Amino acid sequence: YNCDHYVYPQHLLGNIHHDSIDAINNSEAAMAFG
């Protein structure tokens, strides 16, 4: 999730079994949130 204060369904970025942490970190969703 984006942040532990944003553990809500709409802020789920992915799952590490399908998406790497590195990829999620550089995803549009993560960057837009920040």
Full PDB file with SEQRES, HELIX, SHEET, SSBOND, CRYST1, ORIGX, SCALE, CONECT and MASTER records, all heavy atoms in Angstrom:
SEQRES   1 A   34  TYR ASN CYS ASP HIS TYR VAL TYR PRO GLN HIS LEU LEU          
SEQRES   2 A   34  GLY ASN ILE HIS HIS ASP SER ILE ASP ALA ILE ASN ASN          
SEQRES   3 A   34  SER GLU ALA ALA MET ALA PHE GLY                              
HELIX    1 AA1 ASP A    4  TYR A    6  5                                   3    
HELIX    2 AA2 PRO A    9  HIS A   11  5                                   3    
HELIX    3 AA3 ILE A   21  ASN A   25  1                                   5    
HELIX    4 AA4 GLU A   28  PHE A   33  1                                   6    
CRYST1    1.000    1.000    1.000  90.00  90.00  90.00 P 1           1          
ORIGX1      1.000000  0.000000  0.000000        0.00000                         
ORIGX2      0.000000  1.000000  0.000000        0.00000                         
ORIGX3      0.000000  0.000000  1.000000        0.00000                         
SCALE1      1.000000  0.000000  0.000000        0.00000                         
SCALE2      0.000000  1.000000  0.000000        0.00000                         
SCALE3      0.000000  0.000000  1.000000        0.00000                         
ATOM      1  N   TYR A   1       0.833  -1.201   0.000  1.00  0.00           N  
ATOM      2  CA  TYR A   1       0.000   0.000   0.000  1.00  0.00           C  
ATOM      3  C   TYR A   1       0.873   1.259   0.000  1.00  0.00           C  
ATOM      4  O   TYR A   1       2.052   1.220   0.370  1.00  0.00           O  
ATOM      5  CB  TYR A   1      -0.901   0.025   1.236  1.00  0.00           C  
ATOM      6  CG  TYR A   1      -1.983  -1.028   1.242  1.00  0.00           C  
ATOM      7  CD1 TYR A   1      -1.728  -2.309   1.713  1.00  0.00           C  
ATOM      8  CD2 TYR A   1      -3.274  -0.740   0.794  1.00  0.00           C  
ATOM      9  CE1 TYR A   1      -2.728  -3.288   1.744  1.00  0.00           C  
ATOM     10  CE2 TYR A   1      -4.276  -1.699   0.815  1.00  0.00           C  
ATOM     11  CZ  TYR A   1      -3.993  -2.966   1.290  1.00  0.00           C  
ATOM     12  OH  TYR A   1      -4.985  -3.928   1.308  1.00  0.00           O  
ATOM     13  N   ASN A   2       0.249   2.387  -0.362  1.00  0.00           N  
ATOM     14  CA  ASN A   2       0.969   3.656  -0.403  1.00  0.00           C  
ATOM     15  C   ASN A   2       1.680   3.988   0.898  1.00  0.00           C  
ATOM     16  O   ASN A   2       2.790   4.522   0.900  1.00  0.00           O  
ATOM     17  CB  ASN A   2       0.010   4.806  -0.733  1.00  0.00           C  
ATOM     18  CG  ASN A   2      -0.321   4.899  -2.210  1.00  0.00           C  
ATOM     19  OD1 ASN A   2      -1.477   4.817  -2.600  1.00  0.00           O  
ATOM     20  ND2 ASN A   2       0.696   5.069  -3.047  1.00  0.00           N  
ATOM     21  N   CYS A   3       1.021   3.684   2.019  1.00  0.00           N  
ATOM     22  CA  CYS A   3       1.530   4.099   3.328  1.00  0.00           C  
ATOM     23  C   CYS A   3       0.724   3.344   4.372  1.00  0.00           C  
ATOM     24  O   CYS A   3      -0.400   2.909   4.099  1.00  0.00           O  
ATOM     25  CB  CYS A   3       1.347   5.611   3.481  1.00  0.00           C  
ATOM     26  SG  CYS A   3       1.601   6.276   5.144  1.00  0.00           S  
ATOM     27  N   ASP A   4       1.274   3.164   5.581  1.00  0.00           N  
ATOM     28  CA  ASP A   4       0.490   2.423   6.570  1.00  0.00           C  
ATOM     29  C   ASP A   4      -0.708   3.228   7.079  1.00  0.00           C  
ATOM     30  O   ASP A   4      -1.616   2.674   7.684  1.00  0.00           O  
ATOM     31  CB  ASP A   4       1.363   1.917   7.722  1.00  0.00           C  
ATOM     32  CG  ASP A   4       1.809   2.992   8.684  1.00  0.00           C  
ATOM     33  OD1 ASP A   4       1.936   4.148   8.254  1.00  0.00           O  
ATOM     34  OD2 ASP A   4       2.041   2.674   9.857  1.00  0.00           O  
ATOM     35  N   HIS A   5      -0.727   4.536   6.795  1.00  0.00           N  
ATOM     36  CA  HIS A   5      -1.917   5.341   7.097  1.00  0.00           C  
ATOM     37  C   HIS A   5      -2.918   5.325   5.946  1.00  0.00           C  
ATOM     38  O   HIS A   5      -3.984   5.928   6.032  1.00  0.00           O  
ATOM     39  CB  HIS A   5      -1.526   6.782   7.411  1.00  0.00           C  
ATOM     40  CG  HIS A   5      -0.887   6.942   8.756  1.00  0.00           C  
ATOM     41  ND1 HIS A   5      -1.575   6.770   9.926  1.00  0.00           N  
ATOM     42  CD2 HIS A   5       0.398   7.234   9.107  1.00  0.00           C  
ATOM     43  CE1 HIS A   5      -0.759   6.971  10.954  1.00  0.00           C  
ATOM     44  NE2 HIS A   5       0.435   7.249  10.485  1.00  0.00           N  
ATOM     45  N   TYR A   6      -2.566   4.654   4.871  1.00  0.00           N  
ATOM     46  CA  TYR A   6      -3.447   4.565   3.703  1.00  0.00           C  
ATOM     47  C   TYR A   6      -3.677   3.118   3.288  1.00  0.00           C  
ATOM     48  O   TYR A   6      -3.700   2.795   2.108  1.00  0.00           O  
ATOM     49  CB  TYR A   6      -2.862   5.366   2.533  1.00  0.00           C  
ATOM     50  CG  TYR A   6      -3.131   6.850   2.633  1.00  0.00           C  
ATOM     51  CD1 TYR A   6      -2.324   7.676   3.405  1.00  0.00           C  
ATOM     52  CD2 TYR A   6      -4.210   7.430   1.970  1.00  0.00           C  
ATOM     53  CE1 TYR A   6      -2.576   9.039   3.515  1.00  0.00           C  
ATOM     54  CE2 TYR A   6      -4.468   8.785   2.064  1.00  0.00           C  
ATOM     55  CZ  TYR A   6      -3.650   9.585   2.838  1.00  0.00           C  
ATOM     56  OH  TYR A   6      -3.911  10.937   2.940  1.00  0.00           O  
ATOM     57  N   VAL A   7      -3.843   2.264   4.287  1.00  0.00           N  
ATOM     58  CA  VAL A   7      -4.182   0.869   3.975  1.00  0.00           C  
ATOM     59  C   VAL A   7      -5.688   0.791   3.780  1.00  0.00           C  
ATOM     60  O   VAL A   7      -6.459   0.412   4.659  1.00  0.00           O  
ATOM     61  CB  VAL A   7      -3.686  -0.092   5.076  1.00  0.00           C  
ATOM     62  CG1 VAL A   7      -4.109  -1.530   4.786  1.00  0.00           C  
ATOM     63  CG2 VAL A   7      -2.161  -0.021   5.182  1.00  0.00           C  
ATOM     64  N   TYR A   8      -6.090   1.233   2.605  1.00  0.00           N  
ATOM     65  CA  TYR A   8      -7.470   1.193   2.150  1.00  0.00           C  
ATOM     66  C   TYR A   8      -7.463   0.567   0.755  1.00  0.00           C  
ATOM     67  O   TYR A   8      -6.466   0.689   0.023  1.00  0.00           O  
ATOM     68  CB  TYR A   8      -8.066   2.601   2.079  1.00  0.00           C  
ATOM     69  CG  TYR A   8      -8.162   3.314   3.410  1.00  0.00           C  
ATOM     70  CD1 TYR A   8      -7.143   4.161   3.834  1.00  0.00           C  
ATOM     71  CD2 TYR A   8      -9.263   3.137   4.238  1.00  0.00           C  
ATOM     72  CE1 TYR A   8      -7.217   4.822   5.057  1.00  0.00           C  
ATOM     73  CE2 TYR A   8      -9.349   3.789   5.458  1.00  0.00           C  
ATOM     74  CZ  TYR A   8      -8.332   4.624   5.872  1.00  0.00           C  
ATOM     75  OH  TYR A   8      -8.412   5.267   7.075  1.00  0.00           O  
ATOM     76  N   PRO A   9      -8.542  -0.100   0.363  1.00  0.00           N  
ATOM     77  CA  PRO A   9      -8.562  -0.768  -0.951  1.00  0.00           C  
ATOM     78  C   PRO A   9      -8.147   0.123  -2.117  1.00  0.00           C  
ATOM     79  O   PRO A   9      -7.450  -0.320  -3.030  1.00  0.00           O  
ATOM     80  CB  PRO A   9     -10.025  -1.218  -1.076  1.00  0.00           C  
ATOM     81  CG  PRO A   9     -10.479  -1.415   0.332  1.00  0.00           C  
ATOM     82  CD  PRO A   9      -9.787  -0.335   1.125  1.00  0.00           C  
ATOM     83  N   GLN A  10      -8.541   1.391  -2.085  1.00  0.00           N  
ATOM     84  CA  GLN A  10      -8.227   2.288  -3.201  1.00  0.00           C  
ATOM     85  C   GLN A  10      -6.751   2.684  -3.247  1.00  0.00           C  
ATOM     86  O   GLN A  10      -6.301   3.297  -4.225  1.00  0.00           O  
ATOM     87  CB  GLN A  10      -9.098   3.545  -3.153  1.00  0.00           C  
ATOM     88  CG  GLN A  10      -8.909   4.438  -1.936  1.00  0.00           C  
ATOM     89  CD  GLN A  10      -9.861   4.102  -0.805  1.00  0.00           C  
ATOM     90  OE1 GLN A  10     -10.134   2.928  -0.550  1.00  0.00           O  
ATOM     91  NE2 GLN A  10     -10.368   5.124  -0.134  1.00  0.00           N  
ATOM     92  N   HIS A  11      -5.995   2.345  -2.215  1.00  0.00           N  
ATOM     93  CA  HIS A  11      -4.576   2.680  -2.188  1.00  0.00           C  
ATOM     94  C   HIS A  11      -3.679   1.446  -2.263  1.00  0.00           C  
ATOM     95  O   HIS A  11      -2.487   1.522  -1.948  1.00  0.00           O  
ATOM     96  CB  HIS A  11      -4.253   3.499  -0.939  1.00  0.00           C  
ATOM     97  CG  HIS A  11      -4.825   4.890  -0.981  1.00  0.00           C  
ATOM     98  ND1 HIS A  11      -4.255   5.908  -1.712  1.00  0.00           N  
ATOM     99  CD2 HIS A  11      -5.943   5.405  -0.412  1.00  0.00           C  
ATOM    100  CE1 HIS A  11      -4.983   7.000  -1.585  1.00  0.00           C  
ATOM    101  NE2 HIS A  11      -6.013   6.725  -0.802  1.00  0.00           N  
ATOM    102  N   LEU A  12      -4.244   0.328  -2.679  1.00  0.00           N  
ATOM    103  CA  LEU A  12      -3.451  -0.882  -2.906  1.00  0.00           C  
ATOM    104  C   LEU A  12      -2.677  -0.740  -4.213  1.00  0.00           C  
ATOM    105  O   LEU A  12      -3.261  -0.533  -5.274  1.00  0.00           O  
ATOM    106  CB  LEU A  12      -4.372  -2.104  -2.960  1.00  0.00           C  
ATOM    107  CG  LEU A  12      -3.717  -3.446  -3.295  1.00  0.00           C  
ATOM    108  CD1 LEU A  12      -2.696  -3.836  -2.233  1.00  0.00           C  
ATOM    109  CD2 LEU A  12      -4.784  -4.538  -3.429  1.00  0.00           C  
ATOM    110  N   LEU A  13      -1.356  -0.843  -4.144  1.00  0.00           N  
ATOM    111  CA  LEU A  13      -0.512  -0.638  -5.320  1.00  0.00           C  
ATOM    112  C   LEU A  13      -0.204  -1.930  -6.071  1.00  0.00           C  
ATOM    113  O   LEU A  13       0.107  -1.900  -7.266  1.00  0.00           O  
ATOM    114  CB  LEU A  13       0.809   0.014  -4.896  1.00  0.00           C  
ATOM    115  CG  LEU A  13       0.702   1.439  -4.343  1.00  0.00           C  
ATOM    116  CD1 LEU A  13       2.033   1.870  -3.744  1.00  0.00           C  
ATOM    117  CD2 LEU A  13       0.274   2.404  -5.432  1.00  0.00           C  
ATOM    118  N   GLY A  14      -0.263  -3.046  -5.383  1.00  0.00           N  
ATOM    119  CA  GLY A  14       0.071  -4.319  -6.016  1.00  0.00           C  
ATOM    120  C   GLY A  14       0.426  -5.351  -4.968  1.00  0.00           C  
ATOM    121  O   GLY A  14       0.250  -5.132  -3.771  1.00  0.00           O  
ATOM    122  N   ASN A  15       0.935  -6.483  -5.417  1.00  0.00           N  
ATOM    123  CA  ASN A  15       1.347  -7.564  -4.534  1.00  0.00           C  
ATOM    124  C   ASN A  15       2.721  -8.042  -4.987  1.00  0.00           C  
ATOM    125  O   ASN A  15       2.960  -8.210  -6.185  1.00  0.00           O  
ATOM    126  CB  ASN A  15       0.336  -8.708  -4.581  1.00  0.00           C  
ATOM    127  CG  ASN A  15       0.649  -9.805  -3.579  1.00  0.00           C  
ATOM    128  OD1 ASN A  15       1.598 -10.574  -3.750  1.00  0.00           O  
ATOM    129  ND2 ASN A  15      -0.148  -9.887  -2.522  1.00  0.00           N  
ATOM    130  N   ILE A  16       3.619  -8.247  -4.033  1.00  0.00           N  
ATOM    131  CA  ILE A  16       5.004  -8.558  -4.391  1.00  0.00           C  
ATOM    132  C   ILE A  16       5.157  -9.909  -5.079  1.00  0.00           C  
ATOM    133  O   ILE A  16       6.203 -10.193  -5.652  1.00  0.00           O  
ATOM    134  CB  ILE A  16       5.933  -8.488  -3.163  1.00  0.00           C  
ATOM    135  CG1 ILE A  16       5.547  -9.542  -2.107  1.00  0.00           C  
ATOM    136  CG2 ILE A  16       5.932  -7.091  -2.566  1.00  0.00           C  
ATOM    137  CD1 ILE A  16       6.565  -9.654  -0.976  1.00  0.00           C  
ATOM    138  N   HIS A  17       4.120 -10.738  -5.048  1.00  0.00           N  
ATOM    139  CA  HIS A  17       4.181 -11.995  -5.784  1.00  0.00           C  
ATOM    140  C   HIS A  17       3.912 -11.783  -7.271  1.00  0.00           C  
ATOM    141  O   HIS A  17       4.122 -12.691  -8.078  1.00  0.00           O  
ATOM    142  CB  HIS A  17       3.183 -13.002  -5.201  1.00  0.00           C  
ATOM    143  CG  HIS A  17       3.558 -13.489  -3.835  1.00  0.00           C  
ATOM    144  ND1 HIS A  17       4.645 -14.287  -3.603  1.00  0.00           N  
ATOM    145  CD2 HIS A  17       2.976 -13.279  -2.622  1.00  0.00           C  
ATOM    146  CE1 HIS A  17       4.733 -14.558  -2.302  1.00  0.00           C  
ATOM    147  NE2 HIS A  17       3.725 -13.947  -1.686  1.00  0.00           N  
ATOM    148  N   HIS A  18       3.437 -10.603  -7.615  1.00  0.00           N  
ATOM    149  CA  HIS A  18       3.137 -10.285  -9.014  1.00  0.00           C  
ATOM    150  C   HIS A  18       3.904  -9.073  -9.528  1.00  0.00           C  
ATOM    151  O   HIS A  18       4.167  -8.970 -10.733  1.00  0.00           O  
ATOM    152  CB  HIS A  18       1.634 -10.039  -9.189  1.00  0.00           C  
ATOM    153  CG  HIS A  18       0.774 -11.105  -8.590  1.00  0.00           C  
ATOM    154  ND1 HIS A  18       0.750 -12.395  -9.064  1.00  0.00           N  
ATOM    155  CD2 HIS A  18      -0.086 -11.072  -7.528  1.00  0.00           C  
ATOM    156  CE1 HIS A  18      -0.097 -13.120  -8.330  1.00  0.00           C  
ATOM    157  NE2 HIS A  18      -0.607 -12.333  -7.397  1.00  0.00           N  
ATOM    158  N   ASP A  19       4.222  -8.145  -8.628  1.00  0.00           N  
ATOM    159  CA  ASP A  19       4.926  -6.917  -9.008  1.00  0.00           C  
ATOM    160  C   ASP A  19       6.096  -6.721  -8.052  1.00  0.00           C  
ATOM    161  O   ASP A  19       5.945  -6.875  -6.834  1.00  0.00           O  
ATOM    162  CB  ASP A  19       3.997  -5.703  -8.910  1.00  0.00           C  
ATOM    163  CG  ASP A  19       2.689  -5.915  -9.640  1.00  0.00           C  
ATOM    164  OD1 ASP A  19       2.689  -5.826 -10.873  1.00  0.00           O  
ATOM    165  OD2 ASP A  19       1.677  -6.171  -8.962  1.00  0.00           O  
ATOM    166  N   SER A  20       7.245  -6.360  -8.576  1.00  0.00           N  
ATOM    167  CA  SER A  20       8.403  -6.162  -7.713  1.00  0.00           C  
ATOM    168  C   SER A  20       8.280  -4.851  -6.940  1.00  0.00           C  
ATOM    169  O   SER A  20       7.643  -3.894  -7.400  1.00  0.00           O  
ATOM    170  CB  SER A  20       9.698  -6.159  -8.529  1.00  0.00           C  
ATOM    171  OG  SER A  20       9.814  -4.967  -9.283  1.00  0.00           O  
ATOM    172  N   ILE A  21       8.907  -4.796  -5.769  1.00  0.00           N  
ATOM    173  CA  ILE A  21       8.918  -3.570  -4.974  1.00  0.00           C  
ATOM    174  C   ILE A  21       9.572  -2.442  -5.765  1.00  0.00           C  
ATOM    175  O   ILE A  21       9.113  -1.295  -5.744  1.00  0.00           O  
ATOM    176  CB  ILE A  21       9.648  -3.798  -3.638  1.00  0.00           C  
ATOM    177  CG1 ILE A  21       8.851  -4.768  -2.756  1.00  0.00           C  
ATOM    178  CG2 ILE A  21       9.874  -2.474  -2.906  1.00  0.00           C  
ATOM    179  CD1 ILE A  21       9.555  -5.167  -1.479  1.00  0.00           C  
ATOM    180  N   ASP A  22      10.638  -2.766  -6.481  1.00  0.00           N  
ATOM    181  CA  ASP A  22      11.329  -1.757  -7.282  1.00  0.00           C  
ATOM    182  C   ASP A  22      10.398  -1.169  -8.341  1.00  0.00           C  
ATOM    183  O   ASP A  22      10.357   0.053  -8.552  1.00  0.00           O  
ATOM    184  CB  ASP A  22      12.559  -2.387  -7.947  1.00  0.00           C  
ATOM    185  CG  ASP A  22      13.542  -1.340  -8.450  1.00  0.00           C  
ATOM    186  OD1 ASP A  22      13.564  -0.229  -7.899  1.00  0.00           O  
ATOM    187  OD2 ASP A  22      14.278  -1.636  -9.400  1.00  0.00           O  
ATOM    188  N   ALA A  23       9.630  -2.034  -9.000  1.00  0.00           N  
ATOM    189  CA  ALA A  23       8.702  -1.563 -10.036  1.00  0.00           C  
ATOM    190  C   ALA A  23       7.591  -0.724  -9.428  1.00  0.00           C  
ATOM    191  O   ALA A  23       7.205   0.326  -9.972  1.00  0.00           O  
ATOM    192  CB  ALA A  23       8.118  -2.752 -10.791  1.00  0.00           C  
ATOM    193  N   ILE A  24       7.048  -1.160  -8.301  1.00  0.00           N  
ATOM    194  CA  ILE A  24       5.989  -0.397  -7.631  1.00  0.00           C  
ATOM    195  C   ILE A  24       6.517   0.954  -7.171  1.00  0.00           C  
ATOM    196  O   ILE A  24       5.833   1.982  -7.288  1.00  0.00           O  
ATOM    197  CB  ILE A  24       5.418  -1.196  -6.447  1.00  0.00           C  
ATOM    198  CG1 ILE A  24       4.652  -2.422  -6.962  1.00  0.00           C  
ATOM    199  CG2 ILE A  24       4.505  -0.319  -5.588  1.00  0.00           C  
ATOM    200  CD1 ILE A  24       4.172  -3.355  -5.858  1.00  0.00           C  
ATOM    201  N   ASN A  25       7.731   0.983  -6.675  1.00  0.00           N  
ATOM    202  CA  ASN A  25       8.335   2.224  -6.205  1.00  0.00           C  
ATOM    203  C   ASN A  25       8.434   3.259  -7.317  1.00  0.00           C  
ATOM    204  O   ASN A  25       8.351   4.466  -7.073  1.00  0.00           O  
ATOM    205  CB  ASN A  25       9.731   1.923  -5.643  1.00  0.00           C  
ATOM    206  CG  ASN A  25      10.353   3.123  -4.948  1.00  0.00           C  
ATOM    207  OD1 ASN A  25       9.664   3.899  -4.292  1.00  0.00           O  
ATOM    208  ND2 ASN A  25      11.660   3.269  -5.082  1.00  0.00           N  
ATOM    209  N   ASN A  26       8.614   2.796  -8.536  1.00  0.00           N  
ATOM    210  CA  ASN A  26       8.731   3.695  -9.678  1.00  0.00           C  
ATOM    211  C   ASN A  26       7.466   3.754 -10.536  1.00  0.00           C  
ATOM    212  O   ASN A  26       7.495   4.242 -11.663  1.00  0.00           O  
ATOM    213  CB  ASN A  26       9.930   3.276 -10.538  1.00  0.00           C  
ATOM    214  CG  ASN A  26      11.253   3.639  -9.892  1.00  0.00           C  
ATOM    215  OD1 ASN A  26      11.688   4.775  -9.939  1.00  0.00           O  
ATOM    216  ND2 ASN A  26      11.880   2.657  -9.250  1.00  0.00           N  
ATOM    217  N   SER A  27       6.369   3.254  -9.986  1.00  0.00           N  
ATOM    218  CA  SER A  27       5.113   3.261 -10.729  1.00  0.00           C  
ATOM    219  C   SER A  27       4.481   4.650 -10.725  1.00  0.00           C  
ATOM    220  O   SER A  27       4.753   5.486  -9.856  1.00  0.00           O  
ATOM    221  CB  SER A  27       4.124   2.263 -10.107  1.00  0.00           C  
ATOM    222  OG  SER A  27       3.726   2.687  -8.810  1.00  0.00           O  
ATOM    223  N   GLU A  28       3.632   4.892 -11.696  1.00  0.00           N  
ATOM    224  CA  GLU A  28       2.929   6.175 -11.780  1.00  0.00           C  
ATOM    225  C   GLU A  28       2.068   6.412 -10.543  1.00  0.00           C  
ATOM    226  O   GLU A  28       1.958   7.538 -10.059  1.00  0.00           O  
ATOM    227  CB  GLU A  28       2.067   6.218 -13.041  1.00  0.00           C  
ATOM    228  CG  GLU A  28       2.854   6.335 -14.335  1.00  0.00           C  
ATOM    229  CD  GLU A  28       1.943   6.536 -15.540  1.00  0.00           C  
ATOM    230  OE1 GLU A  28       0.735   6.777 -15.340  1.00  0.00           O  
ATOM    231  OE2 GLU A  28       2.441   6.460 -16.674  1.00  0.00           O  
ATOM    232  N   ALA A  29       1.454   5.339 -10.033  1.00  0.00           N  
ATOM    233  CA  ALA A  29       0.572   5.483  -8.870  1.00  0.00           C  
ATOM    234  C   ALA A  29       1.343   5.942  -7.642  1.00  0.00           C  
ATOM    235  O   ALA A  29       0.890   6.823  -6.896  1.00  0.00           O  
ATOM    236  CB  ALA A  29      -0.127   4.155  -8.592  1.00  0.00           C  
ATOM    237  N   ALA A  30       2.516   5.350  -7.407  1.00  0.00           N  
ATOM    238  CA  ALA A  30       3.322   5.733  -6.255  1.00  0.00           C  
ATOM    239  C   ALA A  30       3.817   7.168  -6.385  1.00  0.00           C  
ATOM    240  O   ALA A  30       3.777   7.953  -5.424  1.00  0.00           O  
ATOM    241  CB  ALA A  30       4.503   4.779  -6.087  1.00  0.00           C  
ATOM    242  N   MET A  31       4.269   7.520  -7.560  1.00  0.00           N  
ATOM    243  CA  MET A  31       4.796   8.873  -7.764  1.00  0.00           C  
ATOM    244  C   MET A  31       3.696   9.924  -7.690  1.00  0.00           C  
ATOM    245  O   MET A  31       3.901  11.012  -7.140  1.00  0.00           O  
ATOM    246  CB  MET A  31       5.542   8.939  -9.094  1.00  0.00           C  
ATOM    247  CG  MET A  31       6.864   8.170  -9.076  1.00  0.00           C  
ATOM    248  SD  MET A  31       7.884   8.418 -10.546  1.00  0.00           S  
ATOM    249  CE  MET A  31       7.043   7.361 -11.723  1.00  0.00           C  
ATOM    250  N   ALA A  32       2.515   9.590  -8.222  1.00  0.00           N  
ATOM    251  CA  ALA A  32       1.398  10.539  -8.178  1.00  0.00           C  
ATOM    252  C   ALA A  32       0.948  10.780  -6.742  1.00  0.00           C  
ATOM    253  O   ALA A  32       0.639  11.918  -6.353  1.00  0.00           O  
ATOM    254  CB  ALA A  32       0.240  10.016  -9.014  1.00  0.00           C  
ATOM    255  N   PHE A  33       0.912   9.717  -5.938  1.00  0.00           N  
ATOM    256  CA  PHE A  33       0.518   9.852  -4.540  1.00  0.00           C  
ATOM    257  C   PHE A  33       1.485  10.783  -3.808  1.00  0.00           C  
ATOM    258  O   PHE A  33       1.074  11.669  -3.049  1.00  0.00           O  
ATOM    259  CB  PHE A  33       0.503   8.482  -3.869  1.00  0.00           C  
ATOM    260  CG  PHE A  33       0.140   8.509  -2.409  1.00  0.00           C  
ATOM    261  CD1 PHE A  33      -1.184   8.478  -2.013  1.00  0.00           C  
ATOM    262  CD2 PHE A  33       1.129   8.572  -1.429  1.00  0.00           C  
ATOM    263  CE1 PHE A  33      -1.527   8.507  -0.657  1.00  0.00           C  
ATOM    264  CE2 PHE A  33       0.803   8.605  -0.078  1.00  0.00           C  
ATOM    265  CZ  PHE A  33      -0.531   8.570   0.304  1.00  0.00           C  
ATOM    266  N   GLY A  34       2.774  10.580  -4.031  1.00  0.00           N  
ATOM    267  CA  GLY A  34       3.771  11.401  -3.350  1.00  0.00           C  
ATOM    268  C   GLY A  34       3.774  12.844  -3.807  1.00  0.00           C  
ATOM    269  O   GLY A  34       3.915  13.764  -2.992  1.00  0.00           O  
TER     270      GLY A  34                                                      
MASTER        0    0    0    4    0    0    0    6  269    1    0    3          
END                                                                             
